[in-house]
C-alpha atoms as a PDB file:
ATOM      1  CA  MET A   1       2.462 -14.192 -63.834  1.00  0.00           C
ATOM      2  CA  ALA A   2       3.975 -17.947 -64.954  1.00  0.00           C
ATOM      3  CA  SER A   3       2.383 -20.571 -63.640  1.00  0.00           C
ATOM      4  CA  LEU A   4       5.045 -22.256 -60.667  1.00  0.00           C
ATOM      5  CA  THR A   5       5.461 -26.119 -60.982  1.00  0.00           C
ATOM      6  CA  GLN A   6       4.346 -28.176 -58.001  1.00  0.00           C
ATOM      7  CA  LYS A   7       7.939 -28.033 -56.675  1.00  0.00           C
ATOM      8  CA  GLU A   8       8.671 -24.598 -57.220  1.00  0.00           C
ATOM      9  CA  LEU A   9       5.698 -24.489 -55.327  1.00  0.00           C
ATOM     10  CA  ALA A  10       6.549 -26.936 -52.272  1.00  0.00           C
ATOM     11  CA  GLN A  11      10.228 -24.624 -52.148  1.00  0.00           C
ATOM     12  CA  ALA A  12       8.547 -21.274 -52.041  1.00  0.00           C
ATOM     13  CA  ALA A  13       6.260 -22.815 -49.156  1.00  0.00           C
ATOM     14  CA  LEU A  14       9.209 -24.161 -47.621  1.00  0.00           C
ATOM     15  CA  ALA A  15      10.958 -21.266 -47.714  1.00  0.00           C
ATOM     16  CA  ARG A  16       8.144 -19.087 -46.195  1.00  0.00           C
ATOM     17  CA  ILE A  17       7.456 -21.971 -43.028  1.00  0.00           C
ATOM     18  CA  GLU A  18      11.172 -21.709 -42.517  1.00  0.00           C
ATOM     19  CA  ALA A  19      11.236 -17.827 -42.230  1.00  0.00           C
ATOM     20  CA  HIS A  20       7.739 -18.281 -39.925  1.00  0.00           C
ATOM     21  CA  GLU A  21       9.886 -20.968 -37.613  1.00  0.00           C
ATOM     22  CA  ALA A  22      12.776 -18.359 -37.305  1.00  0.00           C
ATOM     23  CA  LEU A  23      10.661 -15.523 -36.485  1.00  0.00           C
ATOM     24  CA  CYS A  24       8.366 -17.890 -33.628  1.00  0.00           C
ATOM     25  CA  LEU A  25      11.919 -18.784 -32.268  1.00  0.00           C
ATOM     26  CA  GLU A  26      12.786 -15.359 -31.638  1.00  0.00           C
ATOM     27  CA  ARG A  27       9.404 -14.383 -30.331  1.00  0.00           C
ATOM     28  CA  PHE A  28       9.632 -17.746 -28.183  1.00  0.00           C
ATOM     29  CA  SER A  29      12.906 -16.992 -26.687  1.00  0.00           C
ATOM     30  CA  ASN A  30      11.832 -13.390 -26.143  1.00  0.00           C
ATOM     31  CA  ILE A  31       8.891 -14.481 -24.018  1.00  0.00           C
ATOM     32  CA  GLU A  32      11.199 -16.846 -22.194  1.00  0.00           C
ATOM     33  CA  ARG A  33      13.307 -14.027 -21.284  1.00  0.00           C
ATOM     34  CA  ARG A  34      10.474 -11.913 -20.463  1.00  0.00           C
ATOM     35  CA  LEU A  35       8.856 -14.822 -17.882  1.00  0.00           C
ATOM     36  CA  ASP A  36      12.419 -15.622 -16.357  1.00  0.00           C
ATOM     37  CA  SER A  37      12.825 -11.963 -15.416  1.00  0.00           C
ATOM     38  CA  GLY A  38       9.097 -11.913 -13.824  1.00  0.00           C
ATOM     39  CA  ALA A  39       9.788 -14.822 -12.057  1.00  0.00           C
ATOM     40  CA  LYS A  40      12.821 -13.078 -10.539  1.00  0.00           C
ATOM     41  CA  ASN A  41      10.622 -10.018  -9.461  1.00  0.00           C
ATOM     42  CA  PHE A  42       7.909 -12.404  -7.763  1.00  0.00           C
ATOM     43  CA  GLU A  43      10.833 -13.800  -5.786  1.00  0.00           C
ATOM     44  CA  LYS A  44      11.557 -10.633  -4.349  1.00  0.00           C
ATOM     45  CA  LEU A  45       7.936  -9.610  -3.649  1.00  0.00           C
ATOM     46  CA  GLU A  46       7.433 -13.123  -1.862  1.00  0.00           C
ATOM     47  CA  ARG A  47      10.647 -12.347   0.642  1.00  0.00           C
ATOM     48  CA  MET A  48       9.072  -9.157   1.258  1.00  0.00           C
ATOM     49  CA  ILE A  49       5.696 -10.612   2.406  1.00  0.00           C
ATOM     50  CA  PHE A  50       7.345 -12.991   4.506  1.00  0.00           C
ATOM     51  CA  GLY A  51       9.197 -10.153   5.951  1.00  0.00           C
ATOM     52  CA  LEU A  52       5.843  -8.463   6.925  1.00  0.00           C
ATOM     53  CA  TYR A  53       4.743 -11.706   8.165  1.00  0.00           C
ATOM     54  CA  ALA A  54       7.497 -11.480  10.728  1.00  0.00           C
ATOM     55  CA  LEU A  55       6.743  -7.995  11.328  1.00  0.00           C
ATOM     56  CA  VAL A  56       3.079  -8.270  12.152  1.00  0.00           C
ATOM     57  CA  LEU A  57       3.534 -11.598  14.135  1.00  0.00           C
ATOM     58  CA  GLY A  58       6.318  -9.772  16.011  1.00  0.00           C
ATOM     59  CA  SER A  59       4.179  -6.632  16.569  1.00  0.00           C
ATOM     60  CA  VAL A  60       1.326  -8.930  18.155  1.00  0.00           C
ATOM     61  CA  LEU A  61       3.374 -11.409  19.957  1.00  0.00           C
ATOM     62  CA  VAL A  62       5.947  -9.171  21.952  1.00  0.00           C
ATOM     63  CA  PRO A  63       3.679  -6.876  23.573  1.00  0.00           C
ATOM     64  CA  PHE A  64       1.351  -9.952  24.460  1.00  0.00           C
ATOM     65  CA  LEU A  65       4.472 -11.649  25.908  1.00  0.00           C
ATOM     66  CA  LEU A  66       5.686  -8.709  27.925  1.00  0.00           C
ATOM     67  CA  SER A  67       2.120  -8.166  29.319  1.00  0.00           C
ATOM     68  CA  ILE A  68       2.204 -11.616  30.466  1.00  0.00           C
ATOM     69  CA  GLY A  69       5.741 -11.666  31.846  1.00  0.00           C
END
């Protein structure tokens, strides 16, 4: 194999770095998309939990208020 000049070596390294950056950008985009999807799921779970709070509080307070009245 012939010895590469510094310029050729630098160009080869730059090409590898650019390919690596493109791959990382694709991976980052996929991670960001998955995180956004997960955030939507957590918002849904949060609404369900708040609904359960209301149900539990109502099931405790309604009989108590009815027994007072």
